[in-house]
Amino acid sequence: MTHLGANDVIRPWGAPQLERLLFLHALEAQCAGAAAQLPPRTLEAWADLARRQALRILA
């Protein structure tokens, strides 16, 4: 059995993947407020752009 010490860091997905995931969650939270003020067609265009950017980041 492995015991963790005080200085051990748990990275279940590895640091790069976890950082990308946290970045995407932060980006989503920041965009949510601004998106509420956009017209529906503009919102759809931004959502499509964000989706494509997220796929590039995760690739």
Protein backbone atom coordinates (compact mmCIF):
# COMPACT_ATOMS: atom_id res chain seq x y z
CA MET A 1 0.00 0.00 0.00
CA THR A 2 1.27 3.47 -0.86
CA HIS A 3 1.23 6.15 1.81
CA LEU A 4 1.15 9.81 0.86
CA GLY A 5 3.34 12.30 2.64
CA ALA A 6 2.64 15.96 3.36
CA ASN A 7 4.59 17.05 0.26
CA ASP A 8 3.03 14.54 -2.15
CA VAL A 9 0.82 15.89 -4.90
CA ILE A 10 -1.99 13.83 -6.39
CA ARG A 11 -2.42 14.37 -10.13
CA PRO A 12 -4.96 11.83 -11.31
CA TRP A 13 -4.92 13.00 -14.94
CA GLY A 14 -1.41 14.36 -15.01
CA ALA A 15 -0.59 18.03 -14.63
CA PRO A 16 -1.11 19.18 -18.25
CA GLN A 17 -4.55 17.61 -18.58
CA LEU A 18 -5.69 18.89 -15.18
CA GLU A 19 -4.46 22.40 -15.98
CA ARG A 20 -6.34 22.34 -19.29
CA LEU A 21 -9.50 21.17 -17.56
CA LEU A 22 -9.25 23.90 -14.91
CA PHE A 23 -8.57 26.49 -17.63
CA LEU A 24 -11.65 25.42 -19.56
CA HIS A 25 -13.82 25.58 -16.43
CA ALA A 26 -12.52 29.08 -15.64
CA LEU A 27 -13.11 30.18 -19.23
CA GLU A 28 -16.64 28.81 -19.14
CA ALA A 29 -17.38 30.67 -15.90
CA GLN A 30 -16.01 33.95 -17.29
CA CYS A 31 -18.01 33.63 -20.49
CA ALA A 32 -21.28 32.79 -18.76
CA GLY A 33 -21.90 36.35 -17.55
CA ALA A 34 -21.00 37.96 -20.87
CA ALA A 35 -23.01 35.40 -22.82
CA ALA A 36 -26.19 36.32 -20.98
CA GLN A 37 -26.02 39.76 -22.62
CA LEU A 38 -25.53 38.54 -26.21
CA PRO A 39 -28.23 38.04 -28.84
CA PRO A 40 -29.00 34.35 -29.54
CA ARG A 41 -27.26 34.18 -32.96
CA THR A 42 -24.12 35.83 -31.58
CA LEU A 43 -24.21 33.48 -28.62
CA GLU A 44 -24.38 30.47 -30.96
CA ALA A 45 -21.40 31.75 -32.95
CA TRP A 46 -19.35 32.28 -29.79
CA ALA A 47 -20.34 28.86 -28.46
CA ASP A 48 -19.16 27.27 -31.72
CA LEU A 49 -15.87 29.16 -31.57
CA ALA A 50 -15.35 28.20 -27.91
CA ARG A 51 -16.09 24.57 -28.71
CA ARG A 52 -13.51 24.53 -31.52
CA GLN A 53 -10.92 26.25 -29.32
CA ALA A 54 -11.53 23.75 -26.50
CA LEU A 55 -11.02 20.85 -28.91
CA ARG A 56 -7.72 22.38 -30.04
CA ILE A 57 -6.58 22.83 -26.42
CA LEU A 58 -7.47 19.28 -25.47
CA ALA A 59 -5.90 17.75 -28.59
